[in-house]
Amino acid sequence: MYKDGFPCTGCSGCCRLIGGILDKGQNHPDPVLRQVINSFPYVTDESGVCEKLIDNRCSVYDNRPLLCNVTLLGELLSLDLDEWYSKNIKHCNLIIDFLGLDKSYKIPEVS
């Protein structure tokens, strides 16, 4: 279904909310996810924005941490990538709405 990988639109919403993920994930019940979360190498500001978000773009995108790479994380967890992408698309669209970002960033959901 998603032959070209995860269809990120570059809204930077996840970069703006990564602090909350890090806070909530410190004690995640899945040991692999907990390790991925705990190994996030960057700091966030007081509002949870990743320090590597510069001019609304990830400044380390080509070498981003595993937590930020939907495809590699799904592969590590041995998940069906189409299902994993679908779940992440729903979350991305919720983040876009929550942050009040332009609707053009929304990712069409494929059923």
C-alpha atoms as a PDB file:
ATOM      1  CA  MET A   1       0.000   0.000   0.000  1.00  0.00           C
ATOM      2  CA  TYR A   2       2.766   2.481   0.958  1.00  0.00           C
ATOM      3  CA  LYS A   3       5.412   1.416  -1.538  1.00  0.00           C
ATOM      4  CA  ASP A   4       7.479   4.591  -1.115  1.00  0.00           C
ATOM      5  CA  GLY A   5       7.735   4.452   2.687  1.00  0.00           C
ATOM      6  CA  PHE A   6       6.034   6.584   5.276  1.00  0.00           C
ATOM      7  CA  PRO A   7       4.328   9.592   3.627  1.00  0.00           C
ATOM      8  CA  CYS A   8       5.606  12.303   5.999  1.00  0.00           C
ATOM      9  CA  THR A   9       4.539  15.802   4.961  1.00  0.00           C
ATOM     10  CA  GLY A  10       7.208  17.585   7.004  1.00  0.00           C
ATOM     11  CA  CYS A  11       4.844  19.436   9.330  1.00  0.00           C
ATOM     12  CA  SER A  12       7.346  19.108  12.234  1.00  0.00           C
ATOM     13  CA  GLY A  13       4.512  18.350  14.663  1.00  0.00           C
ATOM     14  CA  CYS A  14       6.266  15.319  16.118  1.00  0.00           C
ATOM     15  CA  CYS A  15       9.427  17.410  16.648  1.00  0.00           C
ATOM     16  CA  ARG A  16       7.352  19.943  18.543  1.00  0.00           C
ATOM     17  CA  LEU A  17       5.834  17.331  20.867  1.00  0.00           C
ATOM     18  CA  ILE A  18       8.768  14.940  21.323  1.00  0.00           C
ATOM     19  CA  GLY A  19       9.265  16.062  24.919  1.00  0.00           C
ATOM     20  CA  GLY A  20       5.898  14.597  25.897  1.00  0.00           C
ATOM     21  CA  ILE A  21       6.758  11.303  24.245  1.00  0.00           C
ATOM     22  CA  LEU A  22      10.055  11.200  26.089  1.00  0.00           C
ATOM     23  CA  ASP A  23       8.391  11.977  29.431  1.00  0.00           C
ATOM     24  CA  LYS A  24       5.621   9.415  29.037  1.00  0.00           C
ATOM     25  CA  GLY A  25       7.841   6.749  27.528  1.00  0.00           C
ATOM     26  CA  GLN A  26      10.467   6.531  30.270  1.00  0.00           C
ATOM     27  CA  ASN A  27       8.546   3.623  31.792  1.00  0.00           C
ATOM     28  CA  HIS A  28       6.959   2.164  28.661  1.00  0.00           C
ATOM     29  CA  PRO A  29       5.919  -1.465  29.254  1.00  0.00           C
ATOM     30  CA  ASP A  30       7.557  -2.657  26.012  1.00  0.00           C
ATOM     31  CA  PRO A  31      11.289  -3.001  26.759  1.00  0.00           C
ATOM     32  CA  VAL A  32      12.333  -2.357  23.161  1.00  0.00           C
ATOM     33  CA  LEU A  33      10.291   0.838  22.902  1.00  0.00           C
ATOM     34  CA  ARG A  34      11.489   1.913  26.325  1.00  0.00           C
ATOM     35  CA  GLN A  35      15.097   1.485  25.157  1.00  0.00           C
ATOM     36  CA  VAL A  36      14.405   3.425  21.935  1.00  0.00           C
ATOM     37  CA  ILE A  37      12.790   6.251  23.902  1.00  0.00           C
ATOM     38  CA  ASN A  38      15.507   6.318  26.547  1.00  0.00           C
ATOM     39  CA  SER A  39      18.228   6.436  23.905  1.00  0.00           C
ATOM     40  CA  PHE A  40      16.896   9.629  22.311  1.00  0.00           C
ATOM     41  CA  PRO A  41      20.094  11.708  22.134  1.00  0.00           C
ATOM     42  CA  TYR A  42      18.767  15.268  22.068  1.00  0.00           C
ATOM     43  CA  VAL A  43      17.248  17.640  24.586  1.00  0.00           C
ATOM     44  CA  THR A  44      13.986  19.513  24.352  1.00  0.00           C
ATOM     45  CA  ASP A  45      13.085  22.986  25.453  1.00  0.00           C
ATOM     46  CA  GLU A  46      10.577  23.651  28.232  1.00  0.00           C
ATOM     47  CA  SER A  47       7.659  23.237  25.818  1.00  0.00           C
ATOM     48  CA  GLY A  48       8.905  19.866  24.493  1.00  0.00           C
ATOM     49  CA  VAL A  49      10.389  21.000  21.165  1.00  0.00           C
ATOM     50  CA  CYS A  50      13.441  19.064  20.002  1.00  0.00           C
ATOM     51  CA  GLU A  51      16.662  21.077  19.916  1.00  0.00           C
ATOM     52  CA  LYS A  52      17.332  19.815  16.386  1.00  0.00           C
ATOM     53  CA  LEU A  53      14.228  21.512  14.969  1.00  0.00           C
ATOM     54  CA  ILE A  54      15.688  24.545  13.220  1.00  0.00           C
ATOM     55  CA  ASP A  55      13.675  26.809  10.918  1.00  0.00           C
ATOM     56  CA  ASN A  56      10.800  24.310  11.144  1.00  0.00           C
ATOM     57  CA  ARG A  57      12.990  21.497   9.754  1.00  0.00           C
ATOM     58  CA  CYS A  58      14.856  18.626  11.361  1.00  0.00           C
ATOM     59  CA  SER A  59      18.523  19.537  11.130  1.00  0.00           C
ATOM     60  CA  VAL A  60      19.591  15.876  11.520  1.00  0.00           C
ATOM     61  CA  TYR A  61      16.896  14.269   9.365  1.00  0.00           C
ATOM     62  CA  ASP A  62      19.259  12.029   7.381  1.00  0.00           C
ATOM     63  CA  ASN A  63      20.720  10.724  10.662  1.00  0.00           C
ATOM     64  CA  ARG A  64      17.652  11.085  12.889  1.00  0.00           C
ATOM     65  CA  PRO A  65      17.266   8.873  15.946  1.00  0.00           C
ATOM     66  CA  LEU A  66      15.391   5.604  15.666  1.00  0.00           C
ATOM     67  CA  LEU A  67      12.447   7.074  17.590  1.00  0.00           C
ATOM     68  CA  CYS A  68      12.004   9.571  14.739  1.00  0.00           C
ATOM     69  CA  ASN A  69      12.223   7.042  11.910  1.00  0.00           C
ATOM     70  CA  VAL A  70       8.801   5.462  11.423  1.00  0.00           C
ATOM     71  CA  THR A  71       9.994   2.853   8.928  1.00  0.00           C
ATOM     72  CA  LEU A  72      13.079   1.647  10.808  1.00  0.00           C
ATOM     73  CA  LEU A  73      11.198   1.548  14.107  1.00  0.00           C
ATOM     74  CA  GLY A  74       8.411  -0.511  12.539  1.00  0.00           C
ATOM     75  CA  GLU A  75      10.975  -2.901  11.078  1.00  0.00           C
ATOM     76  CA  LEU A  76      12.773  -3.204  14.429  1.00  0.00           C
ATOM     77  CA  LEU A  77       9.477  -4.073  16.093  1.00  0.00           C
ATOM     78  CA  SER A  78       8.705  -6.591  13.284  1.00  0.00           C
ATOM     79  CA  LEU A  79       5.402  -4.877  12.520  1.00  0.00           C
ATOM     80  CA  ASP A  80       3.396  -4.970   9.335  1.00  0.00           C
ATOM     81  CA  LEU A  81       4.514  -1.649   7.857  1.00  0.00           C
ATOM     82  CA  ASP A  82       1.191  -0.832   6.199  1.00  0.00           C
ATOM     83  CA  GLU A  83      -0.619  -1.210   9.537  1.00  0.00           C
ATOM     84  CA  TRP A  84       2.157   0.678  11.359  1.00  0.00           C
ATOM     85  CA  TYR A  85       2.030   3.503   8.816  1.00  0.00           C
ATOM     86  CA  SER A  86      -1.772   3.675   9.102  1.00  0.00           C
ATOM     87  CA  LYS A  87      -1.563   4.013  12.897  1.00  0.00           C
ATOM     88  CA  ASN A  88       1.122   6.676  12.614  1.00  0.00           C
ATOM     89  CA  ILE A  89      -0.829   8.582   9.962  1.00  0.00           C
ATOM     90  CA  LYS A  90      -3.793   8.789  12.337  1.00  0.00           C
ATOM     91  CA  HIS A  91      -1.499  10.117  15.076  1.00  0.00           C
ATOM     92  CA  CYS A  92       0.166  12.568  12.694  1.00  0.00           C
ATOM     93  CA  ASN A  93      -3.183  13.985  11.657  1.00  0.00           C
ATOM     94  CA  LEU A  94      -4.240  14.316  15.304  1.00  0.00           C
ATOM     95  CA  ILE A  95      -1.007  16.195  16.030  1.00  0.00           C
ATOM     96  CA  ILE A  96      -1.608  18.499  13.060  1.00  0.00           C
ATOM     97  CA  ASP A  97      -5.085  19.298  14.386  1.00  0.00           C
ATOM     98  CA  PHE A  98      -3.873  19.665  17.979  1.00  0.00           C
ATOM     99  CA  LEU A  99      -1.154  22.126  16.979  1.00  0.00           C
ATOM    100  CA  GLY A 100      -3.467  24.006  14.603  1.00  0.00           C
ATOM    101  CA  LEU A 101      -1.142  23.457  11.661  1.00  0.00           C
ATOM    102  CA  ASP A 102      -2.214  24.079   8.089  1.00  0.00           C
ATOM    103  CA  LYS A 103      -4.560  21.319   6.893  1.00  0.00           C
ATOM    104  CA  SER A 104      -2.371  20.830   3.814  1.00  0.00           C
ATOM    105  CA  TYR A 105       0.010  18.895   6.071  1.00  0.00           C
ATOM    106  CA  LYS A 106      -2.608  16.234   6.735  1.00  0.00           C
ATOM    107  CA  ILE A 107      -1.805  12.800   5.340  1.00  0.00           C
ATOM    108  CA  PRO A 108      -4.605  11.078   3.426  1.00  0.00           C
ATOM    109  CA  GLU A 109      -5.635   7.870   5.180  1.00  0.00           C
ATOM    110  CA  VAL A 110      -5.701   4.809   2.956  1.00  0.00           C
ATOM    111  CA  SER A 111      -8.088   2.004   3.863  1.00  0.00           C
END
